[in-house]
Amino acid sequence: MIPFLIFLIHIDTMEKKIKINISQAKSVSQLMGYEGEVSTLYWQSVVIILQDKSDFKGRENRGASDLVNSSLNYGYAILYAQVQHAALKAGLALHISFLHALQEGKPTLVYDMIEEFRSFVVDRAIISMINQNEPLKLNTKGELNQKSRQLIVQNVKERLGSYTRHKKASKKVQTIIQDQAYLLSRHVKDEAIYKPFIGKY
């Protein structure tokens, strides 16, 4: 019961930070600071959700050696490719970003754009796979084995191909990603106002 109460407190705190702090941020650095606080609470909540199914202790990026982080990183790589393709198709300059700091030779715009879809596509797929006891395993090198990679590809692609409501229409998630890229392209030309995709569970 206590972990569940902590989970509810995290959800309540995240909602307040999103409604109050983030909406009133006056600079990118301040916004990213609030984003970091919400992200910490989010991953602490995922730890609670998966506590009976894994030894997940929190989010790690590169070099992760546990099953959940390795699975998330692999899923993000699939989503990253989808987002980058959409951005290129929309004629966007990948090295010019809004939130992530510019890095020479890095497609930082993709880092911005992927944030709208991480949890809705990849986190949802991986958390579901873990909770449903999908046979995800690491090999002796601490890497996902081939079967696990195939399962993740299958599940993430299913999420990308699934339909969800967006702007009063039912669309595939991969179509929404492309639509958002086109919208951003129009936004930078002062032809439209950019509104992020907010996926509903």
N, C-alpha and C. Protein backbone atom coordinates (compact mmCIF):
# COMPACT_ATOMS: atom_id res chain seq x y z
N MET A 1 0.82 -1.21 0.00
CA MET A 1 0.00 0.00 0.00
C MET A 1 0.86 1.27 0.00
N ILE A 2 1.95 1.26 0.76
CA ILE A 2 2.82 2.44 0.84
C ILE A 2 3.40 2.82 -0.52
N PRO A 3 3.96 1.85 -1.29
CA PRO A 3 4.46 2.21 -2.63
C PRO A 3 3.37 2.82 -3.51
N PHE A 4 2.14 2.31 -3.40
CA PHE A 4 1.04 2.84 -4.20
C PHE A 4 0.73 4.29 -3.81
N LEU A 5 0.78 4.59 -2.51
CA LEU A 5 0.54 5.95 -2.04
C LEU A 5 1.64 6.89 -2.54
N ILE A 6 2.88 6.40 -2.51
CA ILE A 6 4.00 7.19 -3.03
C ILE A 6 3.78 7.47 -4.51
N PHE A 7 3.31 6.45 -5.23
CA PHE A 7 3.03 6.60 -6.66
C PHE A 7 2.00 7.70 -6.89
N LEU A 8 0.93 7.71 -6.11
CA LEU A 8 -0.11 8.72 -6.25
C LEU A 8 0.42 10.11 -5.94
N ILE A 9 1.29 10.20 -4.93
CA ILE A 9 1.90 11.49 -4.57
C ILE A 9 2.77 12.00 -5.72
N HIS A 10 3.52 11.07 -6.35
CA HIS A 10 4.36 11.45 -7.49
C HIS A 10 3.50 12.00 -8.63
N ILE A 11 2.40 11.32 -8.91
CA ILE A 11 1.50 11.75 -9.99
C ILE A 11 0.95 13.14 -9.69
N ASP A 12 0.51 13.36 -8.46
CA ASP A 12 -0.04 14.66 -8.07
C ASP A 12 1.01 15.76 -8.19
N THR A 13 2.24 15.46 -7.75
CA THR A 13 3.32 16.45 -7.81
C THR A 13 3.67 16.78 -9.25
N MET A 14 3.73 15.75 -10.11
CA MET A 14 4.03 15.99 -11.52
C MET A 14 2.98 16.87 -12.17
N GLU A 15 1.71 16.61 -11.87
CA GLU A 15 0.63 17.41 -12.44
C GLU A 15 0.76 18.87 -12.03
N LYS A 16 1.08 19.11 -10.77
CA LYS A 16 1.21 20.48 -10.28
C LYS A 16 2.38 21.20 -10.94
N LYS A 17 3.50 20.48 -11.09
CA LYS A 17 4.68 21.09 -11.72
C LYS A 17 4.42 21.42 -13.18
N ILE A 18 3.69 20.53 -13.85
CA ILE A 18 3.38 20.76 -15.26
C ILE A 18 2.43 21.94 -15.42
N LYS A 19 1.39 22.00 -14.58
CA LYS A 19 0.38 23.05 -14.69
C LYS A 19 0.90 24.41 -14.24
N ILE A 20 1.75 24.42 -13.21
CA ILE A 20 2.18 25.70 -12.63
C ILE A 20 3.60 26.06 -13.05
N ASN A 21 4.58 25.25 -12.64
CA ASN A 21 5.98 25.60 -12.87
C ASN A 21 6.34 25.70 -14.35
N ILE A 22 6.05 24.62 -15.10
CA ILE A 22 6.46 24.59 -16.50
C ILE A 22 5.76 25.67 -17.31
N SER A 23 4.48 25.88 -17.07
CA SER A 23 3.75 26.88 -17.84
C SER A 23 4.23 28.30 -17.56
N GLN A 24 4.91 28.50 -16.42
CA GLN A 24 5.38 29.84 -16.05
C GLN A 24 6.88 30.01 -16.23
N ALA A 25 7.53 29.01 -16.81
CA ALA A 25 8.98 29.10 -17.02
C ALA A 25 9.30 30.27 -17.94
N LYS A 26 10.36 31.02 -17.60
CA LYS A 26 10.70 32.23 -18.34
C LYS A 26 11.95 32.07 -19.20
N SER A 27 12.55 30.89 -19.18
CA SER A 27 13.73 30.64 -20.01
C SER A 27 13.83 29.16 -20.30
N VAL A 28 14.62 28.81 -21.32
CA VAL A 28 14.80 27.40 -21.66
C VAL A 28 15.47 26.66 -20.52
N SER A 29 16.48 27.27 -19.89
CA SER A 29 17.19 26.60 -18.80
C SER A 29 16.25 26.34 -17.62
N GLN A 30 15.37 27.29 -17.33
CA GLN A 30 14.40 27.10 -16.25
C GLN A 30 13.41 26.00 -16.62
N LEU A 31 12.96 26.00 -17.86
CA LEU A 31 12.04 24.97 -18.33
C LEU A 31 12.67 23.59 -18.24
N MET A 32 13.92 23.47 -18.66
CA MET A 32 14.59 22.18 -18.63
C MET A 32 14.85 21.72 -17.20
N GLY A 33 15.02 22.68 -16.30
CA GLY A 33 15.18 22.33 -14.89
C GLY A 33 13.92 21.69 -14.33
N TYR A 34 12.78 22.29 -14.65
CA TYR A 34 11.50 21.72 -14.23
C TYR A 34 11.27 20.37 -14.88
N GLU A 35 11.64 20.27 -16.16
CA GLU A 35 11.51 19.00 -16.88
C GLU A 35 12.31 17.91 -16.19
N GLY A 36 13.50 18.26 -15.71
CA GLY A 36 14.33 17.30 -15.01
C GLY A 36 13.68 16.82 -13.72
N GLU A 37 13.03 17.74 -13.00
CA GLU A 37 12.35 17.38 -11.75
C GLU A 37 11.19 16.43 -12.03
N VAL A 38 10.42 16.74 -13.06
CA VAL A 38 9.28 15.88 -13.41
C VAL A 38 9.78 14.52 -13.89
N SER A 39 10.87 14.51 -14.65
CA SER A 39 11.44 13.27 -15.15
C SER A 39 11.87 12.35 -14.00
N THR A 40 12.47 12.95 -12.96
CA THR A 40 12.89 12.16 -11.80
C THR A 40 11.69 11.48 -11.14
N LEU A 41 10.62 12.24 -10.96
CA LEU A 41 9.41 11.69 -10.36
C LEU A 41 8.79 10.62 -11.24
N TYR A 42 8.82 10.85 -12.55
CA TYR A 42 8.27 9.89 -13.51
C TYR A 42 8.98 8.55 -13.39
N TRP A 43 10.32 8.57 -13.40
CA TRP A 43 11.06 7.31 -13.35
C TRP A 43 10.97 6.64 -11.99
N GLN A 44 10.82 7.43 -10.92
CA GLN A 44 10.59 6.84 -9.61
C GLN A 44 9.24 6.10 -9.59
N SER A 45 8.28 6.65 -10.33
CA SER A 45 6.97 6.00 -10.44
C SER A 45 7.06 4.70 -11.24
N VAL A 46 7.88 4.71 -12.29
CA VAL A 46 8.06 3.49 -13.10
C VAL A 46 8.73 2.40 -12.25
N VAL A 47 9.66 2.79 -11.39
CA VAL A 47 10.29 1.83 -10.48
C VAL A 47 9.22 1.12 -9.66
N ILE A 48 8.25 1.89 -9.15
CA ILE A 48 7.17 1.31 -8.35
C ILE A 48 6.31 0.38 -9.19
N ILE A 49 5.99 0.80 -10.41
CA ILE A 49 5.15 -0.01 -11.30
C ILE A 49 5.79 -1.37 -11.59
N LEU A 50 7.13 -1.37 -11.74
CA LEU A 50 7.84 -2.59 -12.14
C LEU A 50 8.49 -3.34 -10.98
N GLN A 51 8.25 -2.91 -9.76
CA GLN A 51 8.99 -3.47 -8.62
C GLN A 51 8.79 -4.97 -8.42
N ASP A 52 7.65 -5.49 -8.83
CA ASP A 52 7.40 -6.92 -8.67
C ASP A 52 7.85 -7.74 -9.88
N LYS A 53 8.30 -7.06 -10.93
CA LYS A 53 8.65 -7.74 -12.16
C LYS A 53 10.13 -7.61 -12.53
N SER A 54 10.83 -6.66 -11.93
CA SER A 54 12.23 -6.44 -12.31
C SER A 54 13.01 -5.81 -11.17
N ASP A 55 14.31 -5.67 -11.38
CA ASP A 55 15.16 -5.01 -10.38
C ASP A 55 15.50 -3.59 -10.84
N PHE A 56 14.62 -3.00 -11.64
CA PHE A 56 14.81 -1.65 -12.17
C PHE A 56 14.93 -0.66 -11.02
N LYS A 57 16.03 0.12 -11.04
CA LYS A 57 16.28 1.08 -9.96
C LYS A 57 16.18 2.53 -10.42
N GLY A 58 16.06 2.75 -11.71
CA GLY A 58 15.99 4.11 -12.22
C GLY A 58 16.56 4.19 -13.62
N ARG A 59 16.39 5.34 -14.22
CA ARG A 59 16.77 5.52 -15.62
C ARG A 59 18.28 5.71 -15.80
N GLU A 60 18.82 4.94 -16.74
CA GLU A 60 20.21 5.09 -17.18
C GLU A 60 20.21 5.16 -18.69
N ASN A 61 21.08 5.99 -19.25
CA ASN A 61 21.14 6.14 -20.69
C ASN A 61 22.18 5.19 -21.28
N ARG A 62 23.23 5.76 -21.82
CA ARG A 62 24.26 4.93 -22.44
C ARG A 62 24.98 4.07 -21.40
N GLY A 63 25.35 2.88 -21.82
CA GLY A 63 26.10 2.00 -20.94
C GLY A 63 25.26 1.26 -19.92
N ALA A 64 23.95 1.35 -20.06
CA ALA A 64 23.07 0.65 -19.11
C ALA A 64 23.29 -0.85 -19.19
N SER A 65 23.32 -1.49 -18.02
CA SER A 65 23.59 -2.92 -17.99
C SER A 65 22.41 -3.75 -17.48
N ASP A 66 21.31 -3.09 -17.09
CA ASP A 66 20.16 -3.85 -16.61
C ASP A 66 19.15 -4.03 -17.75
N LEU A 67 18.25 -4.96 -17.59
CA LEU A 67 17.33 -5.35 -18.65
C LEU A 67 16.38 -4.22 -19.06
N VAL A 68 15.79 -3.53 -18.09
CA VAL A 68 14.80 -2.51 -18.41
C VAL A 68 15.43 -1.34 -19.15
N ASN A 69 16.54 -0.82 -18.64
CA ASN A 69 17.21 0.30 -19.31
C ASN A 69 17.72 -0.09 -20.69
N SER A 70 18.25 -1.28 -20.81
CA SER A 70 18.73 -1.75 -22.11
C SER A 70 17.57 -1.83 -23.10
N SER A 71 16.42 -2.30 -22.63
CA SER A 71 15.24 -2.41 -23.49
C SER A 71 14.73 -1.04 -23.89
N LEU A 72 14.70 -0.11 -22.94
CA LEU A 72 14.27 1.26 -23.24
C LEU A 72 15.19 1.90 -24.26
N ASN A 73 16.49 1.76 -24.06
CA ASN A 73 17.46 2.37 -24.98
C ASN A 73 17.30 1.82 -26.40
N TYR A 74 17.06 0.53 -26.49
CA TYR A 74 16.88 -0.09 -27.82
C TYR A 74 15.60 0.42 -28.47
N GLY A 75 14.55 0.54 -27.67
CA GLY A 75 13.28 1.06 -28.18
C GLY A 75 13.40 2.51 -28.63
N TYR A 76 14.14 3.31 -27.86
CA TYR A 76 14.33 4.72 -28.23
C TYR A 76 15.09 4.83 -29.55
N ALA A 77 16.02 3.93 -29.78
CA ALA A 77 16.78 3.96 -31.03
C ALA A 77 15.86 3.76 -32.24
N ILE A 78 14.86 2.89 -32.08
CA ILE A 78 13.89 2.65 -33.15
C ILE A 78 13.05 3.90 -33.37
N LEU A 79 12.58 4.50 -32.28
CA LEU A 79 11.77 5.71 -32.37
C LEU A 79 12.59 6.87 -32.93
N TYR A 80 13.84 6.96 -32.51
CA TYR A 80 14.75 8.01 -32.99
C TYR A 80 14.82 8.00 -34.52
N ALA A 81 14.97 6.82 -35.09
CA ALA A 81 15.06 6.70 -36.55
C ALA A 81 13.77 7.17 -37.21
N GLN A 82 12.64 6.84 -36.61
CA GLN A 82 11.34 7.24 -37.16
C GLN A 82 11.19 8.77 -37.13
N VAL A 83 11.58 9.37 -36.01
CA VAL A 83 11.46 10.82 -35.86
C VAL A 83 12.42 11.54 -36.81
N GLN A 84 13.64 11.04 -36.92
CA GLN A 84 14.61 11.67 -37.81
C GLN A 84 14.14 11.61 -39.26
N HIS A 85 13.57 10.48 -39.66
CA HIS A 85 13.04 10.34 -41.02
C HIS A 85 11.93 11.37 -41.27
N ALA A 86 11.05 11.54 -40.27
CA ALA A 86 9.95 12.49 -40.41
C ALA A 86 10.47 13.92 -40.53
N ALA A 87 11.48 14.25 -39.74
CA ALA A 87 12.05 15.60 -39.76
C ALA A 87 12.70 15.89 -41.11
N LEU A 88 13.43 14.92 -41.63
CA LEU A 88 14.08 15.09 -42.93
C LEU A 88 13.04 15.24 -44.03
N LYS A 89 12.00 14.44 -43.98
CA LYS A 89 10.94 14.49 -45.00
C LYS A 89 10.25 15.85 -44.99
N ALA A 90 10.18 16.47 -43.80
CA ALA A 90 9.53 17.78 -43.67
C ALA A 90 10.47 18.93 -44.02
N GLY A 91 11.71 18.58 -44.36
CA GLY A 91 12.67 19.60 -44.76
C GLY A 91 13.27 20.39 -43.61
N LEU A 92 13.25 19.84 -42.41
CA LEU A 92 13.79 20.53 -41.24
C LEU A 92 15.30 20.36 -41.13
N ALA A 93 15.97 21.36 -40.57
CA ALA A 93 17.42 21.30 -40.34
C ALA A 93 17.65 20.59 -39.01
N LEU A 94 18.21 19.41 -39.05
CA LEU A 94 18.33 18.57 -37.86
C LEU A 94 19.25 19.15 -36.79
N HIS A 95 20.17 20.02 -37.17
CA HIS A 95 21.15 20.53 -36.22
C HIS A 95 20.70 21.81 -35.53
N ILE A 96 19.51 22.31 -35.87
CA ILE A 96 18.98 23.52 -35.22
C ILE A 96 17.83 23.12 -34.31
N SER A 97 18.04 23.24 -33.01
CA SER A 97 17.05 22.79 -32.03
C SER A 97 16.55 23.95 -31.18
N PHE A 98 15.53 23.67 -30.38
CA PHE A 98 14.91 24.70 -29.55
C PHE A 98 15.21 24.50 -28.06
N LEU A 99 15.23 23.26 -27.62
CA LEU A 99 15.41 22.97 -26.20
C LEU A 99 16.80 22.41 -25.90
N HIS A 100 17.24 21.43 -26.65
CA HIS A 100 18.56 20.87 -26.43
C HIS A 100 19.63 21.79 -27.00
N ALA A 101 20.73 21.90 -26.28
CA ALA A 101 21.83 22.76 -26.71
C ALA A 101 22.40 22.28 -28.04
N LEU A 102 22.75 23.22 -28.89
CA LEU A 102 23.32 22.87 -30.19
C LEU A 102 24.66 22.17 -29.99
N GLN A 103 24.87 21.09 -30.74
CA GLN A 103 26.12 20.34 -30.68
C GLN A 103 26.57 20.08 -32.12
N GLU A 104 27.78 20.44 -32.40
CA GLU A 104 28.29 20.30 -33.76
C GLU A 104 28.18 18.85 -34.24
N GLY A 105 27.56 18.69 -35.38
CA GLY A 105 27.43 17.36 -35.97
C GLY A 105 26.35 16.50 -35.35
N LYS A 106 25.56 17.05 -34.40
CA LYS A 106 24.52 16.27 -33.73
C LYS A 106 23.13 16.75 -34.18
N PRO A 107 22.23 15.82 -34.48
CA PRO A 107 20.87 16.19 -34.90
C PRO A 107 20.01 16.53 -33.68
N THR A 108 20.32 17.65 -33.02
CA THR A 108 19.67 17.98 -31.76
C THR A 108 18.17 18.25 -31.89
N LEU A 109 17.71 18.61 -33.10
CA LEU A 109 16.28 18.79 -33.28
C LEU A 109 15.53 17.48 -33.05
N VAL A 110 16.15 16.38 -33.43
CA VAL A 110 15.53 15.06 -33.21
C VAL A 110 15.39 14.81 -31.72
N TYR A 111 16.38 15.26 -30.93
CA TYR A 111 16.30 15.11 -29.47
C TYR A 111 15.09 15.87 -28.92
N ASP A 112 14.81 17.03 -29.52
CA ASP A 112 13.62 17.79 -29.11
C ASP A 112 12.34 17.05 -29.48
N MET A 113 12.26 16.66 -30.75
CA MET A 113 11.02 16.11 -31.28
C MET A 113 10.64 14.76 -30.68
N ILE A 114 11.64 13.98 -30.33
CA ILE A 114 11.37 12.63 -29.82
C ILE A 114 10.69 12.65 -28.46
N GLU A 115 10.87 13.76 -27.71
CA GLU A 115 10.33 13.83 -26.35
C GLU A 115 8.81 13.70 -26.32
N GLU A 116 8.13 14.16 -27.37
CA GLU A 116 6.67 14.05 -27.41
C GLU A 116 6.19 12.61 -27.46
N PHE A 117 7.06 11.72 -27.93
CA PHE A 117 6.61 10.35 -28.23
C PHE A 117 7.29 9.26 -27.40
N ARG A 118 8.30 9.62 -26.62
CA ARG A 118 9.03 8.61 -25.85
C ARG A 118 8.12 7.76 -24.97
N SER A 119 7.41 8.41 -24.08
CA SER A 119 6.60 7.65 -23.12
C SER A 119 5.43 6.95 -23.80
N PHE A 120 4.81 7.64 -24.76
CA PHE A 120 3.62 7.08 -25.41
C PHE A 120 3.95 5.87 -26.26
N VAL A 121 5.10 5.87 -26.89
CA VAL A 121 5.48 4.77 -27.78
C VAL A 121 6.36 3.75 -27.07
N VAL A 122 7.52 4.17 -26.63
CA VAL A 122 8.52 3.21 -26.12
C VAL A 122 8.27 2.80 -24.68
N ASP A 123 8.12 3.78 -23.78
CA ASP A 123 7.93 3.43 -22.37
C ASP A 123 6.71 2.53 -22.20
N ARG A 124 5.64 2.89 -22.87
CA ARG A 124 4.41 2.09 -22.77
C ARG A 124 4.64 0.67 -23.28
N ALA A 125 5.36 0.54 -24.38
CA ALA A 125 5.62 -0.79 -24.94
C ALA A 125 6.49 -1.62 -24.01
N ILE A 126 7.58 -1.05 -23.53
CA ILE A 126 8.52 -1.81 -22.69
C ILE A 126 7.91 -2.17 -21.35
N ILE A 127 7.24 -1.21 -20.71
CA ILE A 127 6.60 -1.49 -19.41
C ILE A 127 5.57 -2.60 -19.56
N SER A 128 4.81 -2.55 -20.63
CA SER A 128 3.81 -3.60 -20.89
C SER A 128 4.48 -4.96 -21.09
N MET A 129 5.59 -4.97 -21.83
CA MET A 129 6.30 -6.22 -22.08
C MET A 129 6.84 -6.82 -20.78
N ILE A 130 7.38 -5.97 -19.92
CA ILE A 130 7.91 -6.46 -18.64
C ILE A 130 6.79 -6.99 -17.76
N ASN A 131 5.69 -6.27 -17.69
CA ASN A 131 4.56 -6.68 -16.84
C ASN A 131 3.88 -7.94 -17.36
N GLN A 132 3.96 -8.18 -18.67
CA GLN A 132 3.35 -9.37 -19.25
C GLN A 132 4.34 -10.53 -19.36
N ASN A 133 5.48 -10.37 -18.70
CA ASN A 133 6.50 -11.42 -18.65
C ASN A 133 6.99 -11.87 -20.02
N GLU A 134 7.12 -10.91 -20.95
CA GLU A 134 7.71 -11.23 -22.25
C GLU A 134 9.15 -11.71 -22.00
N PRO A 135 9.62 -12.69 -22.77
CA PRO A 135 10.95 -13.27 -22.52
C PRO A 135 12.11 -12.37 -22.94
N LEU A 136 12.25 -11.23 -22.28
CA LEU A 136 13.36 -10.33 -22.54
C LEU A 136 14.56 -10.76 -21.69
N LYS A 137 15.71 -10.91 -22.33
CA LYS A 137 16.89 -11.39 -21.60
C LYS A 137 18.16 -10.72 -22.12
N LEU A 138 19.16 -10.66 -21.25
CA LEU A 138 20.47 -10.17 -21.63
C LEU A 138 21.38 -11.37 -21.86
N ASN A 139 22.31 -11.23 -22.79
CA ASN A 139 23.27 -12.31 -23.02
C ASN A 139 24.44 -12.21 -22.06
N THR A 140 25.45 -13.04 -22.23
CA THR A 140 26.59 -13.06 -21.32
C THR A 140 27.41 -11.77 -21.36
N LYS A 141 27.23 -10.97 -22.41
CA LYS A 141 27.94 -9.69 -22.53
C LYS A 141 27.16 -8.54 -21.90
N GLY A 142 25.99 -8.87 -21.33
CA GLY A 142 25.16 -7.84 -20.73
C GLY A 142 24.37 -7.05 -21.75
N GLU A 143 24.18 -7.62 -22.94
CA GLU A 143 23.44 -6.97 -24.00
C GLU A 143 22.15 -7.76 -24.28
N LEU A 144 21.17 -7.11 -24.85
CA LEU A 144 19.93 -7.80 -25.22
C LEU A 144 20.23 -8.90 -26.22
N ASN A 145 19.68 -10.09 -25.99
CA ASN A 145 19.91 -11.16 -26.97
C ASN A 145 19.05 -10.91 -28.21
N GLN A 146 19.28 -11.68 -29.24
CA GLN A 146 18.61 -11.45 -30.52
C GLN A 146 17.10 -11.56 -30.41
N LYS A 147 16.61 -12.54 -29.68
CA LYS A 147 15.17 -12.73 -29.52
C LYS A 147 14.54 -11.52 -28.85
N SER A 148 15.22 -10.99 -27.85
CA SER A 148 14.71 -9.82 -27.14
C SER A 148 14.65 -8.61 -28.05
N ARG A 149 15.68 -8.41 -28.85
CA ARG A 149 15.69 -7.28 -29.79
C ARG A 149 14.55 -7.41 -30.79
N GLN A 150 14.31 -8.62 -31.26
CA GLN A 150 13.22 -8.85 -32.22
C GLN A 150 11.87 -8.54 -31.59
N LEU A 151 11.69 -8.93 -30.33
CA LEU A 151 10.43 -8.67 -29.63
C LEU A 151 10.21 -7.17 -29.43
N ILE A 152 11.28 -6.46 -29.09
CA ILE A 152 11.17 -5.02 -28.88
C ILE A 152 10.83 -4.32 -30.19
N VAL A 153 11.49 -4.71 -31.27
CA VAL A 153 11.19 -4.13 -32.58
C VAL A 153 9.72 -4.37 -32.92
N GLN A 154 9.25 -5.58 -32.70
CA GLN A 154 7.87 -5.93 -33.00
C GLN A 154 6.89 -5.08 -32.19
N ASN A 155 7.14 -4.94 -30.89
CA ASN A 155 6.22 -4.21 -30.02
C ASN A 155 6.24 -2.71 -30.27
N VAL A 156 7.42 -2.15 -30.51
CA VAL A 156 7.51 -0.71 -30.78
C VAL A 156 6.87 -0.39 -32.13
N LYS A 157 7.10 -1.25 -33.12
CA LYS A 157 6.47 -1.02 -34.42
C LYS A 157 4.95 -1.15 -34.34
N GLU A 158 4.48 -2.04 -33.48
CA GLU A 158 3.04 -2.16 -33.28
C GLU A 158 2.47 -0.88 -32.68
N ARG A 159 3.22 -0.27 -31.75
CA ARG A 159 2.80 0.99 -31.16
C ARG A 159 2.80 2.09 -32.22
N LEU A 160 3.82 2.12 -33.05
CA LEU A 160 3.89 3.14 -34.11
C LEU A 160 2.75 2.97 -35.12
N GLY A 161 2.33 1.74 -35.32
CA GLY A 161 1.27 1.47 -36.29
C GLY A 161 -0.12 1.47 -35.69
N SER A 162 -0.21 1.67 -34.37
CA SER A 162 -1.52 1.68 -33.72
C SER A 162 -2.21 3.02 -33.93
N TYR A 163 -3.52 3.03 -33.81
CA TYR A 163 -4.30 4.24 -34.01
C TYR A 163 -4.60 4.93 -32.67
N THR A 164 -4.57 6.25 -32.69
CA THR A 164 -4.94 7.02 -31.50
C THR A 164 -5.59 8.32 -31.95
N ARG A 165 -6.31 8.98 -31.06
CA ARG A 165 -6.99 10.22 -31.40
C ARG A 165 -6.02 11.38 -31.41
N HIS A 166 -6.10 12.17 -32.47
CA HIS A 166 -5.27 13.37 -32.58
C HIS A 166 -5.98 14.36 -33.47
N LYS A 167 -6.25 15.55 -32.92
CA LYS A 167 -6.96 16.60 -33.65
C LYS A 167 -8.28 16.09 -34.21
N LYS A 168 -9.03 15.43 -33.35
CA LYS A 168 -10.38 14.95 -33.66
C LYS A 168 -10.41 13.88 -34.75
N ALA A 169 -9.30 13.22 -34.97
CA ALA A 169 -9.25 12.15 -35.96
C ALA A 169 -8.47 10.97 -35.39
N SER A 170 -8.74 9.79 -35.92
CA SER A 170 -8.01 8.59 -35.52
C SER A 170 -6.88 8.37 -36.52
N LYS A 171 -5.64 8.40 -36.03
CA LYS A 171 -4.48 8.28 -36.90
C LYS A 171 -3.47 7.30 -36.33
N LYS A 172 -2.65 6.73 -37.21
CA LYS A 172 -1.54 5.93 -36.74
C LYS A 172 -0.52 6.85 -36.08
N VAL A 173 0.16 6.34 -35.06
CA VAL A 173 1.15 7.15 -34.34
C VAL A 173 2.25 7.62 -35.29
N GLN A 174 2.68 6.75 -36.20
CA GLN A 174 3.74 7.14 -37.13
C GLN A 174 3.28 8.27 -38.06
N THR A 175 2.00 8.31 -38.35
CA THR A 175 1.43 9.40 -39.16
C THR A 175 1.44 10.70 -38.35
N ILE A 176 1.13 10.59 -37.07
CA ILE A 176 1.14 11.77 -36.20
C ILE A 176 2.55 12.34 -36.09
N ILE A 177 3.54 11.48 -36.00
CA ILE A 177 4.94 11.94 -35.95
C ILE A 177 5.26 12.76 -37.19
N GLN A 178 4.85 12.25 -38.34
CA GLN A 178 5.10 12.99 -39.59
C GLN A 178 4.30 14.29 -39.62
N ASP A 179 3.06 14.25 -39.16
CA ASP A 179 2.24 15.47 -39.11
C ASP A 179 2.89 16.53 -38.24
N GLN A 180 3.44 16.11 -37.10
CA GLN A 180 4.09 17.05 -36.19
C GLN A 180 5.34 17.66 -36.82
N ALA A 181 6.04 16.87 -37.59
CA ALA A 181 7.23 17.39 -38.28
C ALA A 181 6.82 18.45 -39.31
N TYR A 182 5.76 18.18 -40.06
CA TYR A 182 5.26 19.17 -41.03
C TYR A 182 4.76 20.43 -40.31
N LEU A 183 4.10 20.24 -39.18
CA LEU A 183 3.61 21.38 -38.41
C LEU A 183 4.77 22.25 -37.93
N LEU A 184 5.84 21.60 -37.46
CA LEU A 184 7.01 22.35 -37.01
C LEU A 184 7.64 23.11 -38.17
N SER A 185 7.66 22.49 -39.33
CA SER A 185 8.20 23.15 -40.52
C SER A 185 7.40 24.40 -40.84
N ARG A 186 6.08 24.32 -40.74
CA ARG A 186 5.24 25.49 -41.00
C ARG A 186 5.41 26.54 -39.90
N HIS A 187 5.63 26.05 -38.68
CA HIS A 187 5.81 26.97 -37.54
C HIS A 187 7.05 27.84 -37.71
N VAL A 188 8.15 27.27 -38.12
CA VAL A 188 9.38 28.05 -38.27
C VAL A 188 9.28 29.03 -39.43
N LYS A 189 8.30 28.82 -40.31
CA LYS A 189 8.06 29.75 -41.42
C LYS A 189 6.97 30.76 -41.08
N ASP A 190 6.52 30.74 -39.79
CA ASP A 190 5.44 31.62 -39.32
C ASP A 190 4.14 31.37 -40.07
N GLU A 191 3.92 30.12 -40.45
CA GLU A 191 2.69 29.76 -41.15
C GLU A 191 1.69 29.02 -40.25
N ALA A 192 2.14 28.66 -39.04
CA ALA A 192 1.27 27.92 -38.13
C ALA A 192 1.82 28.04 -36.72
N ILE A 193 0.97 27.73 -35.74
CA ILE A 193 1.40 27.70 -34.34
C ILE A 193 1.62 26.25 -33.95
N TYR A 194 2.80 25.96 -33.39
CA TYR A 194 3.11 24.57 -33.05
C TYR A 194 2.47 24.18 -31.73
N LYS A 195 1.75 23.08 -31.75
CA LYS A 195 1.18 22.50 -30.54
C LYS A 195 1.66 21.07 -30.43
N PRO A 196 2.21 20.69 -29.29
CA PRO A 196 2.78 19.33 -29.15
C PRO A 196 1.69 18.26 -29.10
N PHE A 197 2.09 17.06 -29.47
CA PHE A 197 1.20 15.91 -29.35
C PHE A 197 1.22 15.45 -27.91
N ILE A 198 0.05 15.24 -27.36
CA ILE A 198 -0.08 14.72 -26.00
C ILE A 198 -0.87 13.41 -26.09
N GLY A 199 -0.18 12.30 -25.94
CA GLY A 199 -0.83 11.01 -26.05
C GLY A 199 -1.66 10.68 -24.84
N LYS A 200 -2.79 10.09 -25.05
CA LYS A 200 -3.67 9.69 -23.94
C LYS A 200 -3.62 8.18 -23.77
N TYR A 201 -3.54 7.74 -22.53
CA TYR A 201 -3.46 6.32 -22.24
C TYR A 201 -4.84 5.73 -22.04
